[in-house]
């Protein structure tokens, strides 16, 4: 979670401190990947070590939601970003997790798929950050790449939620 919060702060700082924006973009990209690796490893260690539990699932999910929101809102406030799109993307990320959790609680199993699951959202932000570090956050006609990335993430999360709902409904309907 600390890596996610720091990534969000680094993204935010790109607009507030343009003199260090290149380093902040790269730091954000690195921190996002660190967050994903740490998230993957903690689950693998818990499962491999036989210590996975329902309480562990709780402590895994809450930091994920905070990290997602920090990164996406941070990108909204980044150079070339639009804060509203950051908040909408964060809500979309929370919605994908919520639908998965409700489906799992209803007995349909965990639906992790979708065109814009966590790893896909974070990949879009990482690629955006690396590009912005090299070329700057603005593309033709002054359009901000972070805003475009957030639009893609927002649209992708809507599609992900709908596909997960369909899968969950089909699974529950067969029972």
N, C-alpha and C. Protein backbone atom coordinates (compact mmCIF):
# COMPACT_ATOMS: atom_id res chain seq x y z
N UNK A 1 0.83 -1.19 0.00
CA UNK A 1 0.00 0.00 0.00
C UNK A 1 0.88 1.25 0.00
N UNK A 2 2.00 1.19 0.72
CA UNK A 2 2.90 2.35 0.76
C UNK A 2 3.39 2.69 -0.65
N UNK A 3 3.72 1.67 -1.44
CA UNK A 3 4.18 1.92 -2.81
C UNK A 3 3.08 2.57 -3.63
N UNK A 4 1.83 2.14 -3.45
CA UNK A 4 0.71 2.74 -4.18
C UNK A 4 0.50 4.19 -3.79
N UNK A 5 0.57 4.48 -2.50
CA UNK A 5 0.41 5.86 -2.03
C UNK A 5 1.54 6.75 -2.55
N UNK A 6 2.76 6.23 -2.51
CA UNK A 6 3.90 7.00 -3.01
C UNK A 6 3.82 7.21 -4.52
N UNK A 7 3.33 6.21 -5.24
CA UNK A 7 3.14 6.35 -6.69
C UNK A 7 2.13 7.45 -6.98
N UNK A 8 1.03 7.46 -6.25
CA UNK A 8 0.03 8.51 -6.43
C UNK A 8 0.60 9.89 -6.14
N UNK A 9 1.40 9.99 -5.09
CA UNK A 9 2.03 11.27 -4.75
C UNK A 9 3.02 11.70 -5.84
N UNK A 10 3.76 10.74 -6.38
CA UNK A 10 4.72 11.06 -7.45
C UNK A 10 3.98 11.57 -8.68
N UNK A 11 2.88 10.92 -9.02
CA UNK A 11 2.08 11.37 -10.17
C UNK A 11 1.54 12.77 -9.93
N UNK A 12 0.99 13.00 -8.78
CA UNK A 12 0.47 14.33 -8.41
C UNK A 12 1.55 15.39 -8.54
N UNK A 13 2.76 15.04 -8.12
CA UNK A 13 3.85 16.03 -8.10
C UNK A 13 4.30 16.46 -9.49
N UNK A 14 3.97 15.67 -10.52
CA UNK A 14 4.42 16.03 -11.87
C UNK A 14 3.84 17.37 -12.33
N UNK A 15 2.66 17.70 -11.88
CA UNK A 15 2.04 18.98 -12.25
C UNK A 15 2.48 20.10 -11.31
N UNK A 16 2.78 19.76 -10.08
CA UNK A 16 3.13 20.78 -9.08
C UNK A 16 4.61 21.17 -9.12
N UNK A 17 5.44 20.25 -9.56
CA UNK A 17 6.89 20.47 -9.59
C UNK A 17 7.45 20.03 -10.93
N UNK A 18 7.20 20.82 -11.99
CA UNK A 18 7.62 20.40 -13.32
C UNK A 18 9.13 20.20 -13.46
N UNK A 19 9.90 20.83 -12.61
CA UNK A 19 11.35 20.70 -12.69
C UNK A 19 11.82 19.29 -12.33
N UNK A 20 11.01 18.55 -11.60
CA UNK A 20 11.37 17.17 -11.24
C UNK A 20 10.39 16.15 -11.82
N UNK A 21 9.61 16.59 -12.82
CA UNK A 21 8.55 15.74 -13.36
C UNK A 21 9.10 14.45 -13.97
N UNK A 22 10.20 14.52 -14.69
CA UNK A 22 10.74 13.31 -15.33
C UNK A 22 11.04 12.26 -14.28
N UNK A 23 11.72 12.65 -13.22
CA UNK A 23 12.04 11.70 -12.15
C UNK A 23 10.78 11.20 -11.47
N UNK A 24 9.80 12.07 -11.29
CA UNK A 24 8.55 11.67 -10.64
C UNK A 24 7.77 10.67 -11.50
N UNK A 25 7.72 10.90 -12.81
CA UNK A 25 7.04 9.95 -13.71
C UNK A 25 7.69 8.57 -13.60
N UNK A 26 9.03 8.56 -13.65
CA UNK A 26 9.75 7.28 -13.58
C UNK A 26 9.59 6.62 -12.22
N UNK A 27 9.62 7.43 -11.16
CA UNK A 27 9.42 6.87 -9.81
C UNK A 27 8.03 6.26 -9.69
N UNK A 28 7.03 6.94 -10.24
CA UNK A 28 5.66 6.42 -10.19
C UNK A 28 5.58 5.07 -10.91
N UNK A 29 6.18 4.99 -12.10
CA UNK A 29 6.16 3.73 -12.86
C UNK A 29 6.81 2.61 -12.06
N UNK A 30 7.94 2.89 -11.45
CA UNK A 30 8.65 1.89 -10.65
C UNK A 30 7.84 1.49 -9.42
N UNK A 31 7.26 2.47 -8.74
CA UNK A 31 6.47 2.18 -7.54
C UNK A 31 5.21 1.38 -7.86
N UNK A 32 4.60 1.64 -9.00
CA UNK A 32 3.41 0.88 -9.39
C UNK A 32 3.79 -0.58 -9.59
N UNK A 33 4.90 -0.82 -10.26
CA UNK A 33 5.34 -2.19 -10.48
C UNK A 33 5.75 -2.86 -9.17
N UNK A 34 6.39 -2.11 -8.28
CA UNK A 34 6.74 -2.64 -6.96
C UNK A 34 5.50 -3.04 -6.20
N UNK A 35 4.48 -2.22 -6.27
CA UNK A 35 3.20 -2.53 -5.60
C UNK A 35 2.61 -3.82 -6.14
N UNK A 36 2.62 -4.00 -7.46
CA UNK A 36 2.06 -5.21 -8.06
C UNK A 36 2.86 -6.45 -7.67
N UNK A 37 4.17 -6.34 -7.67
CA UNK A 37 5.01 -7.48 -7.28
C UNK A 37 4.78 -7.83 -5.82
N UNK A 38 4.75 -6.83 -4.95
CA UNK A 38 4.52 -7.08 -3.52
C UNK A 38 3.16 -7.73 -3.30
N UNK A 39 2.15 -7.27 -4.02
CA UNK A 39 0.81 -7.84 -3.90
C UNK A 39 0.79 -9.29 -4.33
N UNK A 40 1.48 -9.58 -5.40
CA UNK A 40 1.54 -10.96 -5.90
C UNK A 40 2.31 -11.86 -4.93
N UNK A 41 3.44 -11.36 -4.44
CA UNK A 41 4.28 -12.17 -3.56
C UNK A 41 3.61 -12.48 -2.23
N UNK A 42 2.89 -11.51 -1.66
CA UNK A 42 2.28 -11.78 -0.36
C UNK A 42 1.24 -12.88 -0.46
N UNK A 43 0.49 -12.91 -1.58
CA UNK A 43 -0.47 -13.98 -1.78
C UNK A 43 0.20 -15.32 -2.01
N UNK A 44 1.26 -15.31 -2.79
CA UNK A 44 1.98 -16.56 -3.07
C UNK A 44 2.61 -17.13 -1.80
N UNK A 45 3.16 -16.26 -0.96
CA UNK A 45 3.77 -16.70 0.29
C UNK A 45 2.70 -17.28 1.22
N UNK A 46 1.55 -16.60 1.30
CA UNK A 46 0.48 -17.08 2.18
C UNK A 46 -0.04 -18.43 1.72
N UNK A 47 -0.25 -18.58 0.42
CA UNK A 47 -0.75 -19.86 -0.11
C UNK A 47 0.32 -20.93 0.01
N UNK A 48 1.53 -20.60 -0.41
CA UNK A 48 2.63 -21.58 -0.36
C UNK A 48 2.99 -22.01 1.05
N UNK A 49 2.87 -21.08 1.98
CA UNK A 49 3.19 -21.38 3.37
C UNK A 49 2.03 -21.94 4.16
N UNK A 50 0.87 -22.07 3.52
CA UNK A 50 -0.29 -22.62 4.21
C UNK A 50 -0.89 -21.68 5.24
N UNK A 51 -0.62 -20.38 5.12
CA UNK A 51 -1.14 -19.43 6.10
C UNK A 51 -2.26 -18.56 5.54
N UNK A 52 -2.73 -18.87 4.32
CA UNK A 52 -3.83 -18.09 3.73
C UNK A 52 -5.07 -18.25 4.60
N UNK A 53 -5.80 -17.13 4.76
CA UNK A 53 -7.00 -17.17 5.60
C UNK A 53 -7.99 -16.12 5.11
N UNK A 54 -9.20 -16.20 5.62
CA UNK A 54 -10.22 -15.20 5.29
C UNK A 54 -9.81 -13.83 5.82
N UNK A 55 -9.18 -13.80 6.98
CA UNK A 55 -8.70 -12.54 7.53
C UNK A 55 -7.62 -11.96 6.62
N UNK A 56 -6.76 -12.82 6.10
CA UNK A 56 -5.73 -12.38 5.16
C UNK A 56 -6.33 -11.78 3.90
N UNK A 57 -7.44 -12.36 3.43
CA UNK A 57 -8.13 -11.81 2.26
C UNK A 57 -8.60 -10.38 2.53
N UNK A 58 -9.13 -10.17 3.74
CA UNK A 58 -9.58 -8.84 4.12
C UNK A 58 -8.41 -7.85 4.09
N UNK A 59 -7.31 -8.25 4.70
CA UNK A 59 -6.14 -7.36 4.77
C UNK A 59 -5.44 -7.24 3.42
N UNK A 60 -5.75 -8.09 2.49
CA UNK A 60 -5.22 -7.96 1.14
C UNK A 60 -6.07 -7.00 0.30
N UNK A 61 -7.38 -7.08 0.46
CA UNK A 61 -8.29 -6.30 -0.37
C UNK A 61 -8.29 -4.81 -0.03
N UNK A 62 -8.35 -4.46 1.23
CA UNK A 62 -8.45 -3.04 1.60
C UNK A 62 -7.25 -2.23 1.13
N UNK A 63 -6.01 -2.68 1.34
CA UNK A 63 -4.87 -1.91 0.81
C UNK A 63 -4.88 -1.83 -0.71
N UNK A 64 -5.38 -2.86 -1.39
CA UNK A 64 -5.49 -2.81 -2.85
C UNK A 64 -6.40 -1.67 -3.29
N UNK A 65 -7.52 -1.50 -2.63
CA UNK A 65 -8.45 -0.45 -3.02
C UNK A 65 -7.84 0.92 -2.76
N UNK A 66 -7.15 1.08 -1.63
CA UNK A 66 -6.49 2.36 -1.32
C UNK A 66 -5.41 2.64 -2.36
N UNK A 67 -4.62 1.63 -2.69
CA UNK A 67 -3.54 1.80 -3.68
C UNK A 67 -4.10 2.16 -5.05
N UNK A 68 -5.14 1.44 -5.49
CA UNK A 68 -5.76 1.76 -6.78
C UNK A 68 -6.21 3.22 -6.81
N UNK A 69 -6.92 3.62 -5.79
CA UNK A 69 -7.44 4.99 -5.75
C UNK A 69 -6.30 6.00 -5.74
N UNK A 70 -5.28 5.76 -4.96
CA UNK A 70 -4.16 6.71 -4.88
C UNK A 70 -3.49 6.89 -6.24
N UNK A 71 -3.26 5.79 -6.93
CA UNK A 71 -2.59 5.86 -8.23
C UNK A 71 -3.49 6.55 -9.26
N UNK A 72 -4.75 6.17 -9.33
CA UNK A 72 -5.64 6.73 -10.36
C UNK A 72 -5.98 8.19 -10.09
N UNK A 73 -6.23 8.54 -8.85
CA UNK A 73 -6.49 9.94 -8.52
C UNK A 73 -5.21 10.75 -8.73
N UNK A 74 -4.07 10.18 -8.35
CA UNK A 74 -2.79 10.86 -8.59
C UNK A 74 -2.58 11.15 -10.06
N UNK A 75 -2.93 10.19 -10.94
CA UNK A 75 -2.80 10.42 -12.38
C UNK A 75 -3.76 11.52 -12.84
N UNK A 76 -4.92 11.61 -12.21
CA UNK A 76 -5.85 12.68 -12.54
C UNK A 76 -5.30 14.06 -12.23
N UNK A 77 -4.49 14.16 -11.19
CA UNK A 77 -3.88 15.44 -10.82
C UNK A 77 -2.52 15.65 -11.46
N UNK A 78 -2.02 14.67 -12.19
CA UNK A 78 -0.70 14.76 -12.83
C UNK A 78 -0.73 15.77 -13.97
N UNK A 79 0.45 16.13 -14.42
CA UNK A 79 0.54 16.99 -15.59
C UNK A 79 -0.19 16.35 -16.75
N UNK A 80 -1.11 17.07 -17.37
CA UNK A 80 -1.89 16.52 -18.47
C UNK A 80 -3.09 15.71 -18.04
N UNK A 81 -3.30 15.61 -16.73
CA UNK A 81 -4.43 14.83 -16.22
C UNK A 81 -5.65 15.69 -15.98
N UNK A 82 -6.72 15.03 -15.69
CA UNK A 82 -7.99 15.68 -15.36
C UNK A 82 -8.50 15.00 -14.10
N UNK A 83 -8.61 15.77 -13.01
CA UNK A 83 -8.95 15.20 -11.70
C UNK A 83 -10.24 14.39 -11.73
N UNK A 84 -11.25 14.89 -12.41
CA UNK A 84 -12.53 14.18 -12.45
C UNK A 84 -12.37 12.79 -13.05
N UNK A 85 -11.56 12.68 -14.11
CA UNK A 85 -11.32 11.37 -14.71
C UNK A 85 -10.59 10.44 -13.75
N UNK A 86 -9.70 11.00 -12.95
CA UNK A 86 -9.00 10.19 -11.95
C UNK A 86 -9.96 9.62 -10.92
N UNK A 87 -10.87 10.46 -10.45
CA UNK A 87 -11.85 9.98 -9.47
C UNK A 87 -12.80 8.94 -10.10
N UNK A 88 -13.22 9.19 -11.33
CA UNK A 88 -14.11 8.22 -12.00
C UNK A 88 -13.40 6.88 -12.23
N UNK A 89 -12.13 6.94 -12.61
CA UNK A 89 -11.37 5.69 -12.80
C UNK A 89 -11.21 4.96 -11.48
N UNK A 90 -11.00 5.70 -10.40
CA UNK A 90 -10.88 5.08 -9.08
C UNK A 90 -12.20 4.41 -8.69
N UNK A 91 -13.32 5.06 -8.95
CA UNK A 91 -14.62 4.46 -8.67
C UNK A 91 -14.83 3.20 -9.52
N UNK A 92 -14.40 3.25 -10.76
CA UNK A 92 -14.50 2.08 -11.62
C UNK A 92 -13.66 0.92 -11.09
N UNK A 93 -12.47 1.23 -10.61
CA UNK A 93 -11.60 0.19 -10.04
C UNK A 93 -12.25 -0.44 -8.81
N UNK A 94 -12.85 0.37 -7.98
CA UNK A 94 -13.53 -0.14 -6.79
C UNK A 94 -14.74 -0.97 -7.20
N UNK A 95 -15.44 -0.53 -8.25
CA UNK A 95 -16.62 -1.28 -8.72
C UNK A 95 -16.22 -2.66 -9.23
N UNK A 96 -15.09 -2.78 -9.92
CA UNK A 96 -14.69 -4.10 -10.40
C UNK A 96 -14.42 -5.04 -9.23
N UNK A 97 -13.78 -4.52 -8.20
CA UNK A 97 -13.51 -5.34 -7.02
C UNK A 97 -14.80 -5.68 -6.27
N UNK A 98 -15.71 -4.72 -6.21
CA UNK A 98 -16.97 -4.93 -5.52
C UNK A 98 -17.79 -6.03 -6.20
N UNK A 99 -17.89 -5.96 -7.52
CA UNK A 99 -18.64 -6.98 -8.26
C UNK A 99 -18.01 -8.35 -8.04
N UNK A 100 -16.68 -8.42 -8.08
CA UNK A 100 -16.00 -9.69 -7.84
C UNK A 100 -16.33 -10.22 -6.45
N UNK A 101 -16.26 -9.34 -5.44
CA UNK A 101 -16.52 -9.76 -4.06
C UNK A 101 -17.96 -10.20 -3.87
N UNK A 102 -18.91 -9.50 -4.46
CA UNK A 102 -20.32 -9.87 -4.33
C UNK A 102 -20.56 -11.21 -5.03
N UNK A 103 -20.00 -11.39 -6.20
CA UNK A 103 -20.14 -12.66 -6.90
C UNK A 103 -19.56 -13.81 -6.12
N UNK A 104 -18.42 -13.57 -5.51
CA UNK A 104 -17.79 -14.62 -4.71
C UNK A 104 -18.66 -14.93 -3.49
N UNK A 105 -19.17 -13.91 -2.84
CA UNK A 105 -20.02 -14.11 -1.67
C UNK A 105 -21.31 -14.84 -2.03
N UNK A 106 -21.80 -14.63 -3.25
CA UNK A 106 -23.03 -15.28 -3.70
C UNK A 106 -22.79 -16.73 -4.13
N UNK A 107 -21.54 -17.11 -4.20
CA UNK A 107 -21.22 -18.49 -4.54
C UNK A 107 -20.80 -18.73 -5.97
N UNK A 108 -20.52 -17.65 -6.72
CA UNK A 108 -20.14 -17.80 -8.13
C UNK A 108 -18.63 -17.91 -8.32
N UNK A 109 -17.89 -17.86 -7.25
CA UNK A 109 -16.44 -17.87 -7.37
C UNK A 109 -15.92 -16.47 -7.66
N UNK A 110 -14.61 -16.33 -7.63
CA UNK A 110 -13.99 -15.03 -7.86
C UNK A 110 -13.83 -14.79 -9.36
N UNK A 111 -14.35 -13.67 -9.83
CA UNK A 111 -14.24 -13.28 -11.23
C UNK A 111 -13.15 -12.21 -11.34
N UNK A 112 -11.95 -12.62 -11.69
CA UNK A 112 -10.83 -11.69 -11.77
C UNK A 112 -10.62 -11.14 -13.17
N UNK A 113 -11.28 -11.68 -14.16
CA UNK A 113 -11.02 -11.31 -15.55
C UNK A 113 -11.55 -9.96 -15.92
N UNK A 114 -11.40 -9.68 -17.18
CA UNK A 114 -11.90 -8.43 -17.74
C UNK A 114 -10.80 -7.69 -18.47
N UNK A 115 -11.21 -6.85 -19.38
CA UNK A 115 -10.20 -6.11 -20.13
C UNK A 115 -9.50 -5.04 -19.30
N UNK A 116 -10.02 -4.71 -18.13
CA UNK A 116 -9.38 -3.68 -17.32
C UNK A 116 -9.37 -4.07 -15.85
N UNK A 117 -8.85 -5.28 -15.58
CA UNK A 117 -8.63 -5.71 -14.20
C UNK A 117 -7.44 -4.94 -13.64
N UNK A 118 -7.14 -5.14 -12.37
CA UNK A 118 -6.10 -4.36 -11.69
C UNK A 118 -4.79 -4.32 -12.46
N UNK A 119 -4.31 -5.47 -12.88
CA UNK A 119 -3.01 -5.49 -13.55
C UNK A 119 -3.04 -4.72 -14.87
N UNK A 120 -4.19 -4.71 -15.53
CA UNK A 120 -4.32 -3.97 -16.79
C UNK A 120 -4.37 -2.47 -16.52
N UNK A 121 -5.12 -2.07 -15.49
CA UNK A 121 -5.17 -0.64 -15.14
C UNK A 121 -3.78 -0.13 -14.80
N UNK A 122 -3.07 -0.90 -14.00
CA UNK A 122 -1.74 -0.45 -13.57
C UNK A 122 -0.74 -0.48 -14.73
N UNK A 123 -0.95 -1.37 -15.69
CA UNK A 123 -0.08 -1.40 -16.87
C UNK A 123 -0.29 -0.15 -17.71
N UNK A 124 -1.55 0.26 -17.88
CA UNK A 124 -1.85 1.49 -18.63
C UNK A 124 -1.20 2.68 -17.95
N UNK A 125 -1.32 2.78 -16.62
CA UNK A 125 -0.73 3.91 -15.91
C UNK A 125 0.80 3.86 -16.01
N UNK A 126 1.38 2.68 -15.87
CA UNK A 126 2.83 2.55 -15.96
C UNK A 126 3.33 2.99 -17.33
N UNK A 127 2.69 2.51 -18.39
CA UNK A 127 3.10 2.90 -19.75
C UNK A 127 2.93 4.40 -19.96
N UNK A 128 1.85 4.94 -19.46
CA UNK A 128 1.61 6.37 -19.55
C UNK A 128 2.74 7.14 -18.84
N UNK A 129 3.09 6.71 -17.65
CA UNK A 129 4.13 7.39 -16.87
C UNK A 129 5.49 7.33 -17.57
N UNK A 130 5.83 6.18 -18.09
CA UNK A 130 7.12 6.05 -18.80
C UNK A 130 7.13 6.94 -20.03
N UNK A 131 6.05 6.92 -20.80
CA UNK A 131 5.97 7.77 -21.98
C UNK A 131 6.09 9.24 -21.59
N UNK A 132 5.37 9.65 -20.54
CA UNK A 132 5.40 11.05 -20.11
C UNK A 132 6.80 11.45 -19.62
N UNK A 133 7.52 10.53 -19.03
CA UNK A 133 8.88 10.82 -18.59
C UNK A 133 9.79 11.11 -19.77
N UNK A 134 9.56 10.40 -20.87
CA UNK A 134 10.41 10.53 -22.06
C UNK A 134 9.96 11.69 -22.95
N UNK A 135 8.66 11.76 -23.21
CA UNK A 135 8.15 12.70 -24.21
C UNK A 135 7.32 13.85 -23.65
N UNK A 136 6.97 13.79 -22.40
CA UNK A 136 6.11 14.81 -21.82
C UNK A 136 4.65 14.35 -21.82
N UNK A 137 3.83 14.97 -20.99
CA UNK A 137 2.45 14.48 -20.81
C UNK A 137 1.46 14.93 -21.88
N UNK A 138 1.88 15.82 -22.78
CA UNK A 138 0.92 16.33 -23.74
C UNK A 138 1.20 15.78 -25.13
N UNK A 139 0.11 15.42 -25.80
CA UNK A 139 0.21 14.93 -27.18
C UNK A 139 -0.35 16.02 -28.09
N UNK A 140 -0.67 15.70 -29.32
CA UNK A 140 -1.16 16.70 -30.27
C UNK A 140 -2.27 17.57 -29.72
N UNK A 141 -2.23 18.84 -30.10
CA UNK A 141 -3.24 19.85 -29.71
C UNK A 141 -3.36 20.01 -28.21
N UNK A 142 -2.30 19.69 -27.47
CA UNK A 142 -2.30 19.91 -26.04
C UNK A 142 -3.15 18.97 -25.22
N UNK A 143 -3.55 17.85 -25.81
CA UNK A 143 -4.34 16.86 -25.09
C UNK A 143 -3.41 16.11 -24.14
N UNK A 144 -3.84 15.93 -22.93
CA UNK A 144 -3.00 15.25 -21.95
C UNK A 144 -3.10 13.73 -22.05
N UNK A 145 -1.95 13.09 -22.20
CA UNK A 145 -1.93 11.63 -22.24
C UNK A 145 -2.51 11.01 -20.95
N UNK A 146 -2.23 11.58 -19.76
CA UNK A 146 -2.87 11.02 -18.57
C UNK A 146 -4.40 11.03 -18.64
N UNK A 147 -4.97 12.07 -19.22
CA UNK A 147 -6.43 12.11 -19.37
C UNK A 147 -6.91 11.03 -20.32
N UNK A 148 -6.16 10.82 -21.40
CA UNK A 148 -6.53 9.77 -22.35
C UNK A 148 -6.44 8.41 -21.66
N UNK A 149 -5.35 8.19 -20.92
CA UNK A 149 -5.17 6.92 -20.20
C UNK A 149 -6.31 6.69 -19.22
N UNK A 150 -6.70 7.72 -18.50
CA UNK A 150 -7.81 7.58 -17.55
C UNK A 150 -9.13 7.32 -18.25
N UNK A 151 -9.33 7.91 -19.42
CA UNK A 151 -10.53 7.63 -20.21
C UNK A 151 -10.58 6.18 -20.64
N UNK A 152 -9.43 5.66 -21.09
CA UNK A 152 -9.35 4.24 -21.47
C UNK A 152 -9.63 3.35 -20.27
N UNK A 153 -9.03 3.69 -19.14
CA UNK A 153 -9.25 2.90 -17.92
C UNK A 153 -10.71 2.97 -17.51
N UNK A 154 -11.30 4.16 -17.54
CA UNK A 154 -12.71 4.30 -17.16
C UNK A 154 -13.63 3.47 -18.04
N UNK A 155 -13.44 3.56 -19.35
CA UNK A 155 -14.27 2.79 -20.27
C UNK A 155 -14.03 1.29 -20.08
N UNK A 156 -12.78 0.93 -19.89
CA UNK A 156 -12.44 -0.48 -19.68
C UNK A 156 -13.01 -1.05 -18.40
N UNK A 157 -13.08 -0.23 -17.35
CA UNK A 157 -13.65 -0.74 -16.10
C UNK A 157 -15.15 -0.94 -16.21
N UNK A 158 -15.82 -0.07 -16.96
CA UNK A 158 -17.26 -0.27 -17.18
C UNK A 158 -17.48 -1.60 -17.90
N UNK A 159 -16.70 -1.85 -18.93
CA UNK A 159 -16.81 -3.11 -19.66
C UNK A 159 -16.47 -4.30 -18.76
N UNK A 160 -15.44 -4.15 -17.95
CA UNK A 160 -15.05 -5.22 -17.03
C UNK A 160 -16.17 -5.54 -16.05
N UNK A 161 -16.78 -4.51 -15.48
CA UNK A 161 -17.90 -4.72 -14.54
C UNK A 161 -19.03 -5.46 -15.25
N UNK A 162 -19.39 -5.03 -16.45
CA UNK A 162 -20.49 -5.68 -17.17
C UNK A 162 -20.17 -7.14 -17.49
N UNK A 163 -18.95 -7.40 -17.94
CA UNK A 163 -18.58 -8.78 -18.25
C UNK A 163 -18.54 -9.66 -17.00
N UNK A 164 -18.06 -9.10 -15.91
CA UNK A 164 -18.04 -9.88 -14.66
C UNK A 164 -19.46 -10.15 -14.19
N UNK A 165 -20.33 -9.15 -14.27
CA UNK A 165 -21.73 -9.36 -13.87
C UNK A 165 -22.38 -10.45 -14.72
N UNK A 166 -22.12 -10.42 -16.01
CA UNK A 166 -22.69 -11.44 -16.89
C UNK A 166 -22.18 -12.83 -16.52
N UNK A 167 -20.88 -12.96 -16.27
CA UNK A 167 -20.30 -14.25 -15.90
C UNK A 167 -20.88 -14.75 -14.58
N UNK A 168 -20.99 -13.85 -13.62
CA UNK A 168 -21.54 -14.22 -12.30
C UNK A 168 -23.00 -14.63 -12.44
N UNK A 169 -23.78 -13.85 -13.20
CA UNK A 169 -25.21 -14.17 -13.38
C UNK A 169 -25.36 -15.52 -14.08
N UNK A 170 -24.54 -15.79 -15.08
CA UNK A 170 -24.62 -17.08 -15.77
C UNK A 170 -24.26 -18.23 -14.83
N UNK A 171 -23.24 -18.04 -14.02
CA UNK A 171 -22.83 -19.08 -13.08
C UNK A 171 -23.93 -19.34 -12.05
N UNK A 172 -24.49 -18.29 -11.50
CA UNK A 172 -25.55 -18.45 -10.50
C UNK A 172 -26.84 -18.98 -11.13
N UNK A 173 -27.11 -18.59 -12.37
CA UNK A 173 -28.32 -19.06 -13.06
C UNK A 173 -28.30 -20.55 -13.35
N UNK A 174 -27.10 -21.12 -13.46
CA UNK A 174 -27.00 -22.58 -13.71
C UNK A 174 -27.23 -23.39 -12.46
N UNK A 175 -27.29 -22.75 -11.33
CA UNK A 175 -27.44 -23.50 -10.07
C UNK A 175 -28.88 -23.59 -9.66
